[in-house]
């Protein structure tokens, strides 16, 4: 029963996470549309930076669910050391790199 409960919570959290990603995508998309409408060098620079930030945001935050799935808590595909290191790298990318490029 613990196994079923764990996977049910994982699926439920992925559903809620998908809703958050949809909202974040809409926010990024709205900003990108505004900056792409006016063709100036500065707007082009901001547009390129927003595209890069969107890429970092979605890749890094999606990696947490994938790491959990592959770790010993999920399917046990990667070792505990590899999952800890993966969480560390994902955390550094999603917070530090995003903050530096922002």
C-alpha atoms as a PDB file:
ATOM      1  CA  UNK A   1       0.000   0.000   0.000  1.00  0.00           C
ATOM      2  CA  UNK A   2       2.905   2.355   0.630  1.00  0.00           C
ATOM      3  CA  UNK A   3       4.111   1.772  -2.924  1.00  0.00           C
ATOM      4  CA  UNK A   4       0.702   2.606  -4.391  1.00  0.00           C
ATOM      5  CA  UNK A   5       0.424   5.689  -2.191  1.00  0.00           C
ATOM      6  CA  UNK A   6       3.893   6.894  -3.248  1.00  0.00           C
ATOM      7  CA  UNK A   7       3.131   6.562  -6.966  1.00  0.00           C
ATOM      8  CA  UNK A   8      -0.314   8.122  -6.563  1.00  0.00           C
ATOM      9  CA  UNK A   9       1.284  11.143  -4.868  1.00  0.00           C
ATOM     10  CA  UNK A  10       3.936  11.346  -7.595  1.00  0.00           C
ATOM     11  CA  UNK A  11       1.273  11.347 -10.319  1.00  0.00           C
ATOM     12  CA  UNK A  12      -0.846  13.875  -8.446  1.00  0.00           C
ATOM     13  CA  UNK A  13       2.126  16.180  -7.934  1.00  0.00           C
ATOM     14  CA  UNK A  14       3.012  15.914 -11.638  1.00  0.00           C
ATOM     15  CA  UNK A  15      -0.532  16.968 -12.545  1.00  0.00           C
ATOM     16  CA  UNK A  16      -0.339  20.034 -10.300  1.00  0.00           C
ATOM     17  CA  UNK A  17       3.159  20.765 -11.587  1.00  0.00           C
ATOM     18  CA  UNK A  18       1.843  20.653 -15.160  1.00  0.00           C
ATOM     19  CA  UNK A  19      -0.677  23.372 -14.287  1.00  0.00           C
ATOM     20  CA  UNK A  20       2.135  25.525 -12.899  1.00  0.00           C
ATOM     21  CA  UNK A  21       4.171  24.991 -16.051  1.00  0.00           C
ATOM     22  CA  UNK A  22       1.225  26.018 -18.204  1.00  0.00           C
ATOM     23  CA  UNK A  23       0.876  29.281 -16.265  1.00  0.00           C
ATOM     24  CA  UNK A  24       4.629  29.932 -16.461  1.00  0.00           C
ATOM     25  CA  UNK A  25       4.583  29.236 -20.198  1.00  0.00           C
ATOM     26  CA  UNK A  26       1.741  31.705 -20.689  1.00  0.00           C
ATOM     27  CA  UNK A  27       3.628  34.380 -18.743  1.00  0.00           C
ATOM     28  CA  UNK A  28       6.790  33.830 -20.782  1.00  0.00           C
ATOM     29  CA  UNK A  29       4.780  33.715 -24.014  1.00  0.00           C
ATOM     30  CA  UNK A  30       3.067  37.021 -23.224  1.00  0.00           C
ATOM     31  CA  UNK A  31       6.404  38.722 -22.591  1.00  0.00           C
ATOM     32  CA  UNK A  32       7.938  37.249 -25.730  1.00  0.00           C
ATOM     33  CA  UNK A  33       5.026  38.417 -27.876  1.00  0.00           C
ATOM     34  CA  UNK A  34       5.309  41.972 -26.537  1.00  0.00           C
ATOM     35  CA  UNK A  35       9.050  42.197 -27.206  1.00  0.00           C
ATOM     36  CA  UNK A  36       8.844  40.579 -30.621  1.00  0.00           C
ATOM     37  CA  UNK A  37       6.180  43.046 -31.776  1.00  0.00           C
ATOM     38  CA  UNK A  38       8.552  46.044 -31.652  1.00  0.00           C
ATOM     39  CA  UNK A  39      11.696  45.552 -33.726  1.00  0.00           C
ATOM     40  CA  UNK A  40      14.498  47.461 -32.040  1.00  0.00           C
ATOM     41  CA  UNK A  41      17.976  46.220 -31.094  1.00  0.00           C
ATOM     42  CA  UNK A  42      17.175  46.463 -27.391  1.00  0.00           C
ATOM     43  CA  UNK A  43      13.905  44.570 -27.761  1.00  0.00           C
ATOM     44  CA  UNK A  44      15.686  41.903 -29.801  1.00  0.00           C
ATOM     45  CA  UNK A  45      18.218  41.538 -26.977  1.00  0.00           C
ATOM     46  CA  UNK A  46      15.473  41.222 -24.362  1.00  0.00           C
ATOM     47  CA  UNK A  47      13.616  38.754 -26.585  1.00  0.00           C
ATOM     48  CA  UNK A  48      16.693  36.533 -26.909  1.00  0.00           C
ATOM     49  CA  UNK A  49      17.315  36.682 -23.153  1.00  0.00           C
ATOM     50  CA  UNK A  50      13.689  35.766 -22.393  1.00  0.00           C
ATOM     51  CA  UNK A  51      13.925  32.784 -24.721  1.00  0.00           C
ATOM     52  CA  UNK A  52      17.071  31.618 -22.927  1.00  0.00           C
ATOM     53  CA  UNK A  53      15.469  32.121 -19.509  1.00  0.00           C
ATOM     54  CA  UNK A  54      12.408  30.185 -20.609  1.00  0.00           C
ATOM     55  CA  UNK A  55      14.633  27.308 -21.742  1.00  0.00           C
ATOM     56  CA  UNK A  56      16.562  27.265 -18.451  1.00  0.00           C
ATOM     57  CA  UNK A  57      13.362  27.485 -16.435  1.00  0.00           C
ATOM     58  CA  UNK A  58      11.574  24.603 -18.105  1.00  0.00           C
ATOM     59  CA  UNK A  59      14.551  22.262 -18.426  1.00  0.00           C
ATOM     60  CA  UNK A  60      15.770  22.761 -14.867  1.00  0.00           C
ATOM     61  CA  UNK A  61      12.397  22.500 -13.144  1.00  0.00           C
ATOM     62  CA  UNK A  62      11.327  19.472 -15.183  1.00  0.00           C
ATOM     63  CA  UNK A  63      14.562  17.740 -14.273  1.00  0.00           C
ATOM     64  CA  UNK A  64      13.468  17.409 -10.622  1.00  0.00           C
ATOM     65  CA  UNK A  65      10.534  15.158 -11.528  1.00  0.00           C
ATOM     66  CA  UNK A  66      12.716  13.125 -13.866  1.00  0.00           C
ATOM     67  CA  UNK A  67      15.467  12.727 -11.252  1.00  0.00           C
ATOM     68  CA  UNK A  68      12.920  11.580  -8.667  1.00  0.00           C
ATOM     69  CA  UNK A  69      11.528   9.074 -11.150  1.00  0.00           C
ATOM     70  CA  UNK A  70      14.993   7.647 -11.875  1.00  0.00           C
ATOM     71  CA  UNK A  71      16.259   7.730  -8.265  1.00  0.00           C
ATOM     72  CA  UNK A  72      16.001   5.017  -5.629  1.00  0.00           C
ATOM     73  CA  UNK A  73      12.720   6.536  -4.476  1.00  0.00           C
ATOM     74  CA  UNK A  74      11.207   5.956  -7.914  1.00  0.00           C
ATOM     75  CA  UNK A  75      12.332   3.312 -10.399  1.00  0.00           C
ATOM     76  CA  UNK A  76      15.822   2.854  -8.901  1.00  0.00           C
ATOM     77  CA  UNK A  77      17.613   3.342 -12.222  1.00  0.00           C
ATOM     78  CA  UNK A  78      20.372   5.585 -10.845  1.00  0.00           C
ATOM     79  CA  UNK A  79      22.296   5.239  -7.601  1.00  0.00           C
ATOM     80  CA  UNK A  80      21.714   7.344  -4.521  1.00  0.00           C
ATOM     81  CA  UNK A  81      24.967   9.227  -5.142  1.00  0.00           C
ATOM     82  CA  UNK A  82      23.994   9.972  -8.732  1.00  0.00           C
ATOM     83  CA  UNK A  83      20.569  11.210  -7.684  1.00  0.00           C
ATOM     84  CA  UNK A  84      22.034  13.514  -5.018  1.00  0.00           C
ATOM     85  CA  UNK A  85      24.508  14.907  -7.521  1.00  0.00           C
ATOM     86  CA  UNK A  86      21.743  15.324 -10.103  1.00  0.00           C
ATOM     87  CA  UNK A  87      19.577  17.201  -7.599  1.00  0.00           C
ATOM     88  CA  UNK A  88      22.537  19.435  -6.770  1.00  0.00           C
ATOM     89  CA  UNK A  89      23.196  20.286 -10.416  1.00  0.00           C
ATOM     90  CA  UNK A  90      19.501  20.840 -11.162  1.00  0.00           C
ATOM     91  CA  UNK A  91      19.157  23.079  -8.115  1.00  0.00           C
ATOM     92  CA  UNK A  92      22.200  25.123  -9.091  1.00  0.00           C
ATOM     93  CA  UNK A  93      20.898  25.550 -12.636  1.00  0.00           C
ATOM     94  CA  UNK A  94      17.327  26.421 -11.738  1.00  0.00           C
ATOM     95  CA  UNK A  95      18.195  28.965  -9.082  1.00  0.00           C
ATOM     96  CA  UNK A  96      21.713  30.270  -9.609  1.00  0.00           C
ATOM     97  CA  UNK A  97      22.012  30.249 -13.394  1.00  0.00           C
ATOM     98  CA  UNK A  98      18.503  31.600 -13.779  1.00  0.00           C
ATOM     99  CA  UNK A  99      19.290  34.403 -11.311  1.00  0.00           C
ATOM    100  CA  UNK A 100      22.612  35.263 -12.982  1.00  0.00           C
ATOM    101  CA  UNK A 101      21.138  35.465 -16.482  1.00  0.00           C
ATOM    102  CA  UNK A 102      18.098  37.361 -15.298  1.00  0.00           C
END
